[in-house]
Amino acid sequence: MHIIVDGYNLIRQSATFRSSERKSLEQGRNALIRSLALYRKLRGHRITVVFDGWEGGSPREERDLAGGVEIVYSRLGEKADDVIKRLLEKGGEERLVVTSDREIAIFAARRGSS
């Protein structure tokens, strides 16, 4: 199972992560990543979290790894939604998308992901 997380979307939907984000954007991201790393350790699923970099990001997509969680920052001018869609277009393993974004949920369902 590959779990793909819409990072800022989840942070802003969760009271716990939102509280961390109020301190700083970095603290919000780190709280989410720590939580995902713990979940990965317990369940063993592959996890990718995608964050928007479209307004102030790097000219290139950036990737990192923390606690076994793959972290992707979309490039400047590209939204996280676009990166998530690209990940969903790749075949292979079963995928689960964590987002409250209706467009992404519909896109995922059309490609056989939940």
PDB file of N, CA and C in Angstrom:
ATOM      1  N   MET A   1       0.849  -1.183   0.000  1.00  0.00           N
ATOM      2  CA  MET A   1       0.000   0.000   0.000  1.00  0.00           C
ATOM      3  C   MET A   1       0.891   1.243   0.000  1.00  0.00           C
ATOM      4  N   HIS A   2       0.588   2.155  -0.888  1.00  0.00           N
ATOM      5  CA  HIS A   2       1.283   3.443  -0.946  1.00  0.00           C
ATOM      6  C   HIS A   2       0.290   4.522  -0.529  1.00  0.00           C
ATOM      7  N   ILE A   3       0.566   5.202   0.565  1.00  0.00           N
ATOM      8  CA  ILE A   3      -0.293   6.278   1.062  1.00  0.00           C
ATOM      9  C   ILE A   3       0.303   7.600   0.594  1.00  0.00           C
ATOM     10  N   ILE A   4      -0.519   8.380  -0.103  1.00  0.00           N
ATOM     11  CA  ILE A   4      -0.091   9.688  -0.614  1.00  0.00           C
ATOM     12  C   ILE A   4      -0.880  10.742   0.150  1.00  0.00           C
ATOM     13  N   VAL A   5      -0.169  11.647   0.814  1.00  0.00           N
ATOM     14  CA  VAL A   5      -0.799  12.635   1.690  1.00  0.00           C
ATOM     15  C   VAL A   5      -0.660  14.036   1.099  1.00  0.00           C
ATOM     16  N   ASP A   6      -1.779  14.731   1.009  1.00  0.00           N
ATOM     17  CA  ASP A   6      -1.817  16.137   0.609  1.00  0.00           C
ATOM     18  C   ASP A   6      -1.452  16.929   1.875  1.00  0.00           C
ATOM     19  N   GLY A   7      -0.162  17.262   2.010  1.00  0.00           N
ATOM     20  CA  GLY A   7       0.401  17.774   3.259  1.00  0.00           C
ATOM     21  C   GLY A   7      -0.302  18.963   3.882  1.00  0.00           C
ATOM     22  N   TYR A   8      -0.325  20.096   3.193  1.00  0.00           N
ATOM     23  CA  TYR A   8      -0.934  21.287   3.790  1.00  0.00           C
ATOM     24  C   TYR A   8      -2.435  21.105   3.967  1.00  0.00           C
ATOM     25  N   ASN A   9      -3.053  20.339   3.097  1.00  0.00           N
ATOM     26  CA  ASN A   9      -4.482  20.074   3.219  1.00  0.00           C
ATOM     27  C   ASN A   9      -4.759  19.356   4.536  1.00  0.00           C
ATOM     28  N   LEU A  10      -3.984  18.321   4.839  1.00  0.00           N
ATOM     29  CA  LEU A  10      -4.188  17.580   6.093  1.00  0.00           C
ATOM     30  C   LEU A  10      -3.861  18.439   7.305  1.00  0.00           C
ATOM     31  N   ILE A  11      -2.786  19.197   7.229  1.00  0.00           N
ATOM     32  CA  ILE A  11      -2.428  20.072   8.352  1.00  0.00           C
ATOM     33  C   ILE A  11      -3.580  20.999   8.691  1.00  0.00           C
ATOM     34  N   ARG A  12      -4.200  21.552   7.682  1.00  0.00           N
ATOM     35  CA  ARG A  12      -5.262  22.547   7.912  1.00  0.00           C
ATOM     36  C   ARG A  12      -6.603  21.918   8.238  1.00  0.00           C
ATOM     37  N   GLN A  13      -6.715  20.604   8.111  1.00  0.00           N
ATOM     38  CA  GLN A  13      -7.941  19.904   8.489  1.00  0.00           C
ATOM     39  C   GLN A  13      -7.847  19.305   9.892  1.00  0.00           C
ATOM     40  N   SER A  14      -6.670  19.301  10.474  1.00  0.00           N
ATOM     41  CA  SER A  14      -6.434  18.687  11.784  1.00  0.00           C
ATOM     42  C   SER A  14      -6.153  19.756  12.829  1.00  0.00           C
ATOM     43  N   ALA A  15      -6.900  19.742  13.909  1.00  0.00           N
ATOM     44  CA  ALA A  15      -6.692  20.722  14.988  1.00  0.00           C
ATOM     45  C   ALA A  15      -5.276  20.616  15.561  1.00  0.00           C
ATOM     46  N   THR A  16      -4.785  19.411  15.709  1.00  0.00           N
ATOM     47  CA  THR A  16      -3.443  19.208  16.270  1.00  0.00           C
ATOM     48  C   THR A  16      -2.369  19.812  15.373  1.00  0.00           C
ATOM     49  N   PHE A  17      -2.411  19.478  14.093  1.00  0.00           N
ATOM     50  CA  PHE A  17      -1.392  19.989  13.181  1.00  0.00           C
ATOM     51  C   PHE A  17      -1.553  21.483  12.934  1.00  0.00           C
ATOM     52  N   ARG A  18      -2.780  21.941  12.891  1.00  0.00           N
ATOM     53  CA  ARG A  18      -3.049  23.377  12.696  1.00  0.00           C
ATOM     54  C   ARG A  18      -2.450  24.183  13.852  1.00  0.00           C
ATOM     55  N   SER A  19      -2.557  23.635  15.052  1.00  0.00           N
ATOM     56  CA  SER A  19      -1.994  24.296  16.228  1.00  0.00           C
ATOM     57  C   SER A  19      -0.468  24.419  16.099  1.00  0.00           C
ATOM     58  N   SER A  20       0.177  23.380  15.592  1.00  0.00           N
ATOM     59  CA  SER A  20       1.629  23.441  15.368  1.00  0.00           C
ATOM     60  C   SER A  20       1.963  24.442  14.279  1.00  0.00           C
ATOM     61  N   GLU A  21       1.128  24.484  13.239  1.00  0.00           N
ATOM     62  CA  GLU A  21       1.384  25.390  12.123  1.00  0.00           C
ATOM     63  C   GLU A  21       1.252  26.855  12.543  1.00  0.00           C
ATOM     64  N   ARG A  22       0.409  27.120  13.531  1.00  0.00           N
ATOM     65  CA  ARG A  22       0.269  28.503  14.015  1.00  0.00           C
ATOM     66  C   ARG A  22       1.582  29.024  14.576  1.00  0.00           C
ATOM     67  N   LYS A  23       2.395  28.135  15.130  1.00  0.00           N
ATOM     68  CA  LYS A  23       3.713  28.534  15.644  1.00  0.00           C
ATOM     69  C   LYS A  23       4.643  28.856  14.478  1.00  0.00           C
ATOM     70  N   SER A  24       4.633  27.979  13.482  1.00  0.00           N
ATOM     71  CA  SER A  24       5.380  28.228  12.245  1.00  0.00           C
ATOM     72  C   SER A  24       5.003  27.159  11.233  1.00  0.00           C
ATOM     73  N   LEU A  25       5.140  27.499   9.969  1.00  0.00           N
ATOM     74  CA  LEU A  25       4.840  26.553   8.896  1.00  0.00           C
ATOM     75  C   LEU A  25       5.707  25.307   9.040  1.00  0.00           C
ATOM     76  N   GLU A  26       6.970  25.522   9.367  1.00  0.00           N
ATOM     77  CA  GLU A  26       7.900  24.406   9.533  1.00  0.00           C
ATOM     78  C   GLU A  26       7.467  23.484  10.674  1.00  0.00           C
ATOM     79  N   GLN A  27       6.991  24.053  11.784  1.00  0.00           N
ATOM     80  CA  GLN A  27       6.539  23.214  12.899  1.00  0.00           C
ATOM     81  C   GLN A  27       5.314  22.389  12.510  1.00  0.00           C
ATOM     82  N   GLY A  28       4.428  22.975  11.731  1.00  0.00           N
ATOM     83  CA  GLY A  28       3.271  22.231  11.247  1.00  0.00           C
ATOM     84  C   GLY A  28       3.690  21.053  10.373  1.00  0.00           C
ATOM     85  N   ARG A  29       4.602  21.310   9.447  1.00  0.00           N
ATOM     86  CA  ARG A  29       5.104  20.239   8.573  1.00  0.00           C
ATOM     87  C   ARG A  29       5.803  19.156   9.386  1.00  0.00           C
ATOM     88  N   ASN A  30       6.661  19.584  10.314  1.00  0.00           N
ATOM     89  CA  ASN A  30       7.406  18.611  11.117  1.00  0.00           C
ATOM     90  C   ASN A  30       6.485  17.752  11.981  1.00  0.00           C
ATOM     91  N   ALA A  31       5.444  18.345  12.542  1.00  0.00           N
ATOM     92  CA  ALA A  31       4.491  17.576  13.354  1.00  0.00           C
ATOM     93  C   ALA A  31       3.806  16.515  12.492  1.00  0.00           C
ATOM     94  N   LEU A  32       3.406  16.891  11.296  1.00  0.00           N
ATOM     95  CA  LEU A  32       2.768  15.939  10.390  1.00  0.00           C
ATOM     96  C   LEU A  32       3.745  14.833  10.007  1.00  0.00           C
ATOM     97  N   ILE A  33       4.944  15.189   9.648  1.00  0.00           N
ATOM     98  CA  ILE A  33       5.940  14.198   9.223  1.00  0.00           C
ATOM     99  C   ILE A  33       6.264  13.232  10.362  1.00  0.00           C
ATOM    100  N   ARG A  34       6.404  13.736  11.574  1.00  0.00           N
ATOM    101  CA  ARG A  34       6.664  12.850  12.731  1.00  0.00           C
ATOM    102  C   ARG A  34       5.515  11.855  12.908  1.00  0.00           C
ATOM    103  N   SER A  35       4.304  12.337  12.787  1.00  0.00           N
ATOM    104  CA  SER A  35       3.138  11.477  12.933  1.00  0.00           C
ATOM    105  C   SER A  35       3.090  10.414  11.830  1.00  0.00           C
ATOM    106  N   LEU A  36       3.374  10.819  10.605  1.00  0.00           N
ATOM    107  CA  LEU A  36       3.384   9.869   9.494  1.00  0.00           C
ATOM    108  C   LEU A  36       4.500   8.841   9.648  1.00  0.00           C
ATOM    109  N   ALA A  37       5.662   9.266  10.147  1.00  0.00           N
ATOM    110  CA  ALA A  37       6.790   8.349  10.355  1.00  0.00           C
ATOM    111  C   ALA A  37       6.428   7.296  11.410  1.00  0.00           C
ATOM    112  N   LEU A  38       5.742   7.720  12.453  1.00  0.00           N
ATOM    113  CA  LEU A  38       5.309   6.781  13.491  1.00  0.00           C
ATOM    114  C   LEU A  38       4.306   5.782  12.900  1.00  0.00           C
ATOM    115  N   TYR A  39       3.352   6.273  12.126  1.00  0.00           N
ATOM    116  CA  TYR A  39       2.371   5.404  11.487  1.00  0.00           C
ATOM    117  C   TYR A  39       3.068   4.405  10.565  1.00  0.00           C
ATOM    118  N   ARG A  40       4.030   4.889   9.805  1.00  0.00           N
ATOM    119  CA  ARG A  40       4.772   4.015   8.897  1.00  0.00           C
ATOM    120  C   ARG A  40       5.498   2.921   9.671  1.00  0.00           C
ATOM    121  N   LYS A  41       6.082   3.287  10.779  1.00  0.00           N
ATOM    122  CA  LYS A  41       6.808   2.319  11.609  1.00  0.00           C
ATOM    123  C   LYS A  41       5.856   1.239  12.133  1.00  0.00           C
ATOM    124  N   LEU A  42       4.655   1.644  12.513  1.00  0.00           N
ATOM    125  CA  LEU A  42       3.678   0.701  13.052  1.00  0.00           C
ATOM    126  C   LEU A  42       3.044  -0.179  11.971  1.00  0.00           C
ATOM    127  N   ARG A  43       2.757   0.405  10.821  1.00  0.00           N
ATOM    128  CA  ARG A  43       1.994  -0.292   9.788  1.00  0.00           C
ATOM    129  C   ARG A  43       2.826  -0.771   8.600  1.00  0.00           C
ATOM    130  N   GLY A  44       3.976  -0.148   8.383  1.00  0.00           N
ATOM    131  CA  GLY A  44       4.862  -0.587   7.314  1.00  0.00           C
ATOM    132  C   GLY A  44       4.512  -0.104   5.915  1.00  0.00           C
ATOM    133  N   HIS A  45       3.517   0.750   5.786  1.00  0.00           N
ATOM    134  CA  HIS A  45       3.128   1.234   4.462  1.00  0.00           C
ATOM    135  C   HIS A  45       4.130   2.255   3.927  1.00  0.00           C
ATOM    136  N   ARG A  46       4.237   2.286   2.617  1.00  0.00           N
ATOM    137  CA  ARG A  46       5.022   3.333   1.963  1.00  0.00           C
ATOM    138  C   ARG A  46       4.194   4.626   2.053  1.00  0.00           C
ATOM    139  N   ILE A  47       4.832   5.723   2.457  1.00  0.00           N
ATOM    140  CA  ILE A  47       4.119   6.994   2.611  1.00  0.00           C
ATOM    141  C   ILE A  47       4.876   8.098   1.894  1.00  0.00           C
ATOM    142  N   THR A  48       4.124   8.874   1.113  1.00  0.00           N
ATOM    143  CA  THR A  48       4.656  10.074   0.465  1.00  0.00           C
ATOM    144  C   THR A  48       3.776  11.234   0.872  1.00  0.00           C
ATOM    145  N   VAL A  49       4.379  12.297   1.386  1.00  0.00           N
ATOM    146  CA  VAL A  49       3.634  13.514   1.711  1.00  0.00           C
ATOM    147  C   VAL A  49       4.075  14.595   0.729  1.00  0.00           C
ATOM    148  N   VAL A  50       3.089  15.297   0.163  1.00  0.00           N
ATOM    149  CA  VAL A  50       3.378  16.306  -0.854  1.00  0.00           C
ATOM    150  C   VAL A  50       2.963  17.678  -0.342  1.00  0.00           C
ATOM    151  N   PHE A  51       3.877  18.636  -0.428  1.00  0.00           N
ATOM    152  CA  PHE A  51       3.616  20.013  -0.008  1.00  0.00           C
ATOM    153  C   PHE A  51       3.712  20.940  -1.213  1.00  0.00           C
ATOM    154  N   ASP A  52       2.888  21.989  -1.201  1.00  0.00           N
ATOM    155  CA  ASP A  52       2.944  23.018  -2.241  1.00  0.00           C
ATOM    156  C   ASP A  52       4.236  23.813  -2.130  1.00  0.00           C
ATOM    157  N   GLY A  53       4.860  24.035  -3.264  1.00  0.00           N
ATOM    158  CA  GLY A  53       5.986  24.950  -3.341  1.00  0.00           C
ATOM    159  C   GLY A  53       5.728  25.971  -4.438  1.00  0.00           C
ATOM    160  N   TRP A  54       4.525  25.971  -4.952  1.00  0.00           N
ATOM    161  CA  TRP A  54       4.210  26.734  -6.162  1.00  0.00           C
ATOM    162  C   TRP A  54       4.341  28.235  -5.997  1.00  0.00           C
ATOM    163  N   GLU A  55       4.154  28.782  -4.796  1.00  0.00           N
ATOM    164  CA  GLU A  55       4.269  30.236  -4.634  1.00  0.00           C
ATOM    165  C   GLU A  55       5.662  30.694  -4.213  1.00  0.00           C
ATOM    166  N   GLY A  56       6.341  29.887  -3.431  1.00  0.00           N
ATOM    167  CA  GLY A  56       7.636  30.343  -2.938  1.00  0.00           C
ATOM    168  C   GLY A  56       8.682  29.259  -2.929  1.00  0.00           C
ATOM    169  N   GLY A  57       8.467  28.240  -3.746  1.00  0.00           N
ATOM    170  CA  GLY A  57       9.375  27.107  -3.728  1.00  0.00           C
ATOM    171  C   GLY A  57      10.569  27.255  -4.641  1.00  0.00           C
ATOM    172  N   SER A  58      11.272  26.174  -4.752  1.00  0.00           N
ATOM    173  CA  SER A  58      12.453  26.085  -5.602  1.00  0.00           C
ATOM    174  C   SER A  58      12.022  25.944  -7.067  1.00  0.00           C
ATOM    175  N   PRO A  59      12.883  26.325  -7.997  1.00  0.00           N
ATOM    176  CA  PRO A  59      12.555  26.146  -9.416  1.00  0.00           C
ATOM    177  C   PRO A  59      12.393  24.669  -9.803  1.00  0.00           C
ATOM    178  N   ARG A  60      12.934  23.793  -8.976  1.00  0.00           N
ATOM    179  CA  ARG A  60      12.838  22.351  -9.226  1.00  0.00           C
ATOM    180  C   ARG A  60      12.088  21.677  -8.095  1.00  0.00           C
ATOM    181  N   GLU A  61      11.410  20.599  -8.430  1.00  0.00           N
ATOM    182  CA  GLU A  61      10.770  19.790  -7.394  1.00  0.00           C
ATOM    183  C   GLU A  61      11.850  19.287  -6.440  1.00  0.00           C
ATOM    184  N   GLU A  62      11.562  19.331  -5.157  1.00  0.00           N
ATOM    185  CA  GLU A  62      12.535  18.868  -4.164  1.00  0.00           C
ATOM    186  C   GLU A  62      11.988  17.652  -3.442  1.00  0.00           C
ATOM    187  N   ARG A  63      12.872  16.738  -3.118  1.00  0.00           N
ATOM    188  CA  ARG A  63      12.496  15.509  -2.405  1.00  0.00           C
ATOM    189  C   ARG A  63      13.415  15.314  -1.216  1.00  0.00           C
ATOM    190  N   ASP A  64      12.849  14.716  -0.185  1.00  0.00           N
ATOM    191  CA  ASP A  64      13.609  14.439   1.026  1.00  0.00           C
ATOM    192  C   ASP A  64      13.047  13.154   1.623  1.00  0.00           C
ATOM    193  N   LEU A  65      13.693  12.644   2.637  1.00  0.00           N
ATOM    194  CA  LEU A  65      13.242  11.449   3.335  1.00  0.00           C
ATOM    195  C   LEU A  65      13.439  11.684   4.823  1.00  0.00           C
ATOM    196  N   ALA A  66      12.405  11.432   5.626  1.00  0.00           N
ATOM    197  CA  ALA A  66      12.502  11.593   7.075  1.00  0.00           C
ATOM    198  C   ALA A  66      11.689  10.492   7.734  1.00  0.00           C
ATOM    199  N   GLY A  67      12.343   9.709   8.567  1.00  0.00           N
ATOM    200  CA  GLY A  67      11.646   8.632   9.254  1.00  0.00           C
ATOM    201  C   GLY A  67      11.010   7.639   8.305  1.00  0.00           C
ATOM    202  N   GLY A  68      11.600   7.482   7.135  1.00  0.00           N
ATOM    203  CA  GLY A  68      11.059   6.564   6.146  1.00  0.00           C
ATOM    204  C   GLY A  68       9.928   7.145   5.304  1.00  0.00           C
ATOM    205  N   VAL A  69       9.568   8.398   5.569  1.00  0.00           N
ATOM    206  CA  VAL A  69       8.502   9.065   4.823  1.00  0.00           C
ATOM    207  C   VAL A  69       9.138   9.890   3.711  1.00  0.00           C
ATOM    208  N   GLU A  70       8.680   9.662   2.486  1.00  0.00           N
ATOM    209  CA  GLU A  70       9.159  10.459   1.365  1.00  0.00           C
ATOM    210  C   GLU A  70       8.437  11.804   1.393  1.00  0.00           C
ATOM    211  N   ILE A  71       9.190  12.882   1.291  1.00  0.00           N
ATOM    212  CA  ILE A  71       8.638  14.237   1.315  1.00  0.00           C
ATOM    213  C   ILE A  71       8.914  14.872  -0.046  1.00  0.00           C
ATOM    214  N   VAL A  72       7.854  15.416  -0.647  1.00  0.00           N
ATOM    215  CA  VAL A  72       7.989  16.056  -1.951  1.00  0.00           C
ATOM    216  C   VAL A  72       7.458  17.478  -1.840  1.00  0.00           C
ATOM    217  N   TYR A  73       8.245  18.438  -2.321  1.00  0.00           N
ATOM    218  CA  TYR A  73       7.818  19.839  -2.429  1.00  0.00           C
ATOM    219  C   TYR A  73       7.675  20.137  -3.911  1.00  0.00           C
ATOM    220  N   SER A  74       6.465  20.542  -4.313  1.00  0.00           N
ATOM    221  CA  SER A  74       6.279  20.871  -5.730  1.00  0.00           C
ATOM    222  C   SER A  74       7.179  22.051  -6.089  1.00  0.00           C
ATOM    223  N   ARG A  75       7.498  22.136  -7.365  1.00  0.00           N
ATOM    224  CA  ARG A  75       8.377  23.224  -7.815  1.00  0.00           C
ATOM    225  C   ARG A  75       7.596  24.541  -7.889  1.00  0.00           C
ATOM    226  N   LEU A  76       8.310  25.604  -7.984  1.00  0.00           N
ATOM    227  CA  LEU A  76       7.725  26.933  -8.140  1.00  0.00           C
ATOM    228  C   LEU A  76       6.772  26.916  -9.331  1.00  0.00           C
ATOM    229  N   GLY A  77       5.555  27.398  -9.143  1.00  0.00           N
ATOM    230  CA  GLY A  77       4.570  27.431 -10.218  1.00  0.00           C
ATOM    231  C   GLY A  77       3.752  26.161 -10.368  1.00  0.00           C
ATOM    232  N   GLU A  78       4.020  25.156  -9.542  1.00  0.00           N
ATOM    233  CA  GLU A  78       3.283  23.890  -9.615  1.00  0.00           C
ATOM    234  C   GLU A  78       2.650  23.603  -8.263  1.00  0.00           C
ATOM    235  N   LYS A  79       1.405  23.199  -8.273  1.00  0.00           N
ATOM    236  CA  LYS A  79       0.703  22.893  -7.028  1.00  0.00           C
ATOM    237  C   LYS A  79       0.936  21.439  -6.625  1.00  0.00           C
ATOM    238  N   ALA A  80       0.782  21.192  -5.334  1.00  0.00           N
ATOM    239  CA  ALA A  80       0.900  19.828  -4.822  1.00  0.00           C
ATOM    240  C   ALA A  80      -0.094  18.908  -5.525  1.00  0.00           C
ATOM    241  N   ASP A  81      -1.269  19.431  -5.858  1.00  0.00           N
ATOM    242  CA  ASP A  81      -2.287  18.632  -6.557  1.00  0.00           C
ATOM    243  C   ASP A  81      -1.725  18.021  -7.834  1.00  0.00           C
ATOM    244  N   ASP A  82      -0.924  18.785  -8.568  1.00  0.00           N
ATOM    245  CA  ASP A  82      -0.340  18.289  -9.813  1.00  0.00           C
ATOM    246  C   ASP A  82       0.640  17.150  -9.559  1.00  0.00           C
ATOM    247  N   VAL A  83       1.406  17.276  -8.488  1.00  0.00           N
ATOM    248  CA  VAL A  83       2.355  16.214  -8.123  1.00  0.00           C
ATOM    249  C   VAL A  83       1.589  14.964  -7.713  1.00  0.00           C
ATOM    250  N   ILE A  84       0.544  15.130  -6.920  1.00  0.00           N
ATOM    251  CA  ILE A  84      -0.264  13.988  -6.483  1.00  0.00           C
ATOM    252  C   ILE A  84      -0.878  13.289  -7.692  1.00  0.00           C
ATOM    253  N   LYS A  85      -1.391  14.043  -8.627  1.00  0.00           N
ATOM    254  CA  LYS A  85      -1.962  13.445  -9.842  1.00  0.00           C
ATOM    255  C   LYS A  85      -0.903  12.647 -10.603  1.00  0.00           C
ATOM    256  N   ARG A  86       0.310  13.189 -10.703  1.00  0.00           N
ATOM    257  CA  ARG A  86       1.397  12.462 -11.389  1.00  0.00           C
ATOM    258  C   ARG A  86       1.691  11.143 -10.673  1.00  0.00           C
ATOM    259  N   LEU A  87       1.726  11.194  -9.342  1.00  0.00           N
ATOM    260  CA  LEU A  87       1.988   9.970  -8.570  1.00  0.00           C
ATOM    261  C   LEU A  87       0.882   8.934  -8.792  1.00  0.00           C
ATOM    262  N   LEU A  88      -0.344   9.401  -8.908  1.00  0.00           N
ATOM    263  CA  LEU A  88      -1.469   8.495  -9.116  1.00  0.00           C
ATOM    264  C   LEU A  88      -1.487   7.884 -10.508  1.00  0.00           C
ATOM    265  N   GLU A  89      -0.903   8.576 -11.466  1.00  0.00           N
ATOM    266  CA  GLU A  89      -0.882   8.079 -12.840  1.00  0.00           C
ATOM    267  C   GLU A  89       0.107   6.928 -13.016  1.00  0.00           C
ATOM    268  N   LYS A  90       1.053   6.818 -12.096  1.00  0.00           N
ATOM    269  CA  LYS A  90       2.004   5.708 -12.149  1.00  0.00           C
ATOM    270  C   LYS A  90       1.271   4.441 -11.721  1.00  0.00           C
ATOM    271  N   GLY A  91       1.498   3.382 -12.426  1.00  0.00           N
ATOM    272  CA  GLY A  91       0.862   2.111 -12.083  1.00  0.00           C
ATOM    273  C   GLY A  91       1.554   1.446 -10.911  1.00  0.00           C
ATOM    274  N   GLY A  92       1.130   0.246 -10.651  1.00  0.00           N
ATOM    275  CA  GLY A  92       1.800  -0.527  -9.612  1.00  0.00           C
ATOM    276  C   GLY A  92       0.936  -0.801  -8.409  1.00  0.00           C
ATOM    277  N   GLU A  93       1.462  -0.478  -7.266  1.00  0.00           N
ATOM    278  CA  GLU A  93       0.838  -0.863  -6.005  1.00  0.00           C
ATOM    279  C   GLU A  93      -0.489  -0.149  -5.716  1.00  0.00           C
ATOM    280  N   GLU A  94      -1.214  -0.707  -4.783  1.00  0.00           N
ATOM    281  CA  GLU A  94      -2.461  -0.092  -4.322  1.00  0.00           C
ATOM    282  C   GLU A  94      -2.135   1.251  -3.668  1.00  0.00           C
ATOM    283  N   ARG A  95      -2.979   2.262  -3.923  1.00  0.00           N
ATOM    284  CA  ARG A  95      -2.720   3.597  -3.389  1.00  0.00           C
ATOM    285  C   ARG A  95      -3.927   4.126  -2.633  1.00  0.00           C
ATOM    286  N   LEU A  96      -3.630   4.871  -1.585  1.00  0.00           N
ATOM    287  CA  LEU A  96      -4.642   5.542  -0.781  1.00  0.00           C
ATOM    288  C   LEU A  96      -4.233   7.007  -0.703  1.00  0.00           C
ATOM    289  N   VAL A  97      -5.155   7.912  -1.028  1.00  0.00           N
ATOM    290  CA  VAL A  97      -4.853   9.342  -1.001  1.00  0.00           C
ATOM    291  C   VAL A  97      -5.559   9.959   0.202  1.00  0.00           C
ATOM    292  N   VAL A  98      -4.805  10.737   0.980  1.00  0.00           N
ATOM    293  CA  VAL A  98      -5.351  11.436   2.143  1.00  0.00           C
ATOM    294  C   VAL A  98      -5.456  12.913   1.787  1.00  0.00           C
ATOM    295  N   THR A  99      -6.699  13.364   1.564  1.00  0.00           N
ATOM    296  CA  THR A  99      -6.973  14.755   1.207  1.00  0.00           C
ATOM    297  C   THR A  99      -8.450  15.036   1.414  1.00  0.00           C
ATOM    298  N   SER A 100      -8.787  16.294   1.584  1.00  0.00           N
ATOM    299  CA  SER A 100     -10.200  16.670   1.577  1.00  0.00           C
ATOM    300  C   SER A 100     -10.513  17.426   0.286  1.00  0.00           C
ATOM    301  N   ASP A 101      -9.551  17.476  -0.619  1.00  0.00           N
ATOM    302  CA  ASP A 101      -9.713  18.146  -1.906  1.00  0.00           C
ATOM    303  C   ASP A 101     -10.543  17.248  -2.820  1.00  0.00           C
ATOM    304  N   ARG A 102     -11.732  17.690  -3.121  1.00  0.00           N
ATOM    305  CA  ARG A 102     -12.673  16.886  -3.906  1.00  0.00           C
ATOM    306  C   ARG A 102     -12.124  16.514  -5.281  1.00  0.00           C
ATOM    307  N   GLU A 103     -11.478  17.463  -5.936  1.00  0.00           N
ATOM    308  CA  GLU A 103     -10.934  17.196  -7.275  1.00  0.00           C
ATOM    309  C   GLU A 103      -9.916  16.063  -7.236  1.00  0.00           C
ATOM    310  N   ILE A 104      -9.033  16.085  -6.241  1.00  0.00           N
ATOM    311  CA  ILE A 104      -8.011  15.037  -6.118  1.00  0.00           C
ATOM    312  C   ILE A 104      -8.681  13.701  -5.778  1.00  0.00           C
ATOM    313  N   ALA A 105      -9.673  13.726  -4.896  1.00  0.00           N
ATOM    314  CA  ALA A 105     -10.380  12.490  -4.521  1.00  0.00           C
ATOM    315  C   ALA A 105     -11.045  11.852  -5.745  1.00  0.00           C
ATOM    316  N   ILE A 106     -11.668  12.648  -6.570  1.00  0.00           N
ATOM    317  CA  ILE A 106     -12.320  12.140  -7.786  1.00  0.00           C
ATOM    318  C   ILE A 106     -11.273  11.599  -8.753  1.00  0.00           C
ATOM    319  N   PHE A 107     -10.188  12.338  -8.920  1.00  0.00           N
ATOM    320  CA  PHE A 107      -9.088  11.907  -9.793  1.00  0.00           C
ATOM    321  C   PHE A 107      -8.559  10.554  -9.332  1.00  0.00           C
ATOM    322  N   ALA A 108      -8.348  10.409  -8.022  1.00  0.00           N
ATOM    323  CA  ALA A 108      -7.825   9.156  -7.449  1.00  0.00           C
ATOM    324  C   ALA A 108      -8.804   8.002  -7.680  1.00  0.00           C
ATOM    325  N   ALA A 109     -10.076   8.254  -7.428  1.00  0.00           N
ATOM    326  CA  ALA A 109     -11.096   7.206  -7.592  1.00  0.00           C
ATOM    327  C   ALA A 109     -11.160   6.737  -9.045  1.00  0.00           C
ATOM    328  N   ARG A 110     -11.005   7.625  -9.980  1.00  0.00           N
ATOM    329  CA  ARG A 110     -11.043   7.262 -11.408  1.00  0.00           C
ATOM    330  C   ARG A 110      -9.852   6.406 -11.804  1.00  0.00           C
ATOM    331  N   ARG A 111      -8.801   6.469 -11.015  1.00  0.00           N
ATOM    332  CA  ARG A 111      -7.609   5.673 -11.294  1.00  0.00           C
ATOM    333  C   ARG A 111      -7.519   4.461 -10.382  1.00  0.00           C
ATOM    334  N   GLY A 112      -8.604   4.146  -9.696  1.00  0.00           N
ATOM    335  CA  GLY A 112      -8.652   2.945  -8.879  1.00  0.00           C
ATOM    336  C   GLY A 112      -8.030   3.076  -7.499  1.00  0.00           C
ATOM    337  N   SER A 113      -7.747   4.311  -7.084  1.00  0.00           N
ATOM    338  CA  SER A 113      -7.205   4.533  -5.742  1.00  0.00           C
ATOM    339  C   SER A 113      -8.335   4.950  -4.819  1.00  0.00           C
ATOM    340  N   SER A 114      -8.118   4.754  -3.515  1.00  0.00           N
ATOM    341  CA  SER A 114      -9.133   5.211  -2.573  1.00  0.00           C
ATOM    342  C   SER A 114      -8.713   6.510  -1.937  1.00  0.00           C
TER     343      SER A 114
END
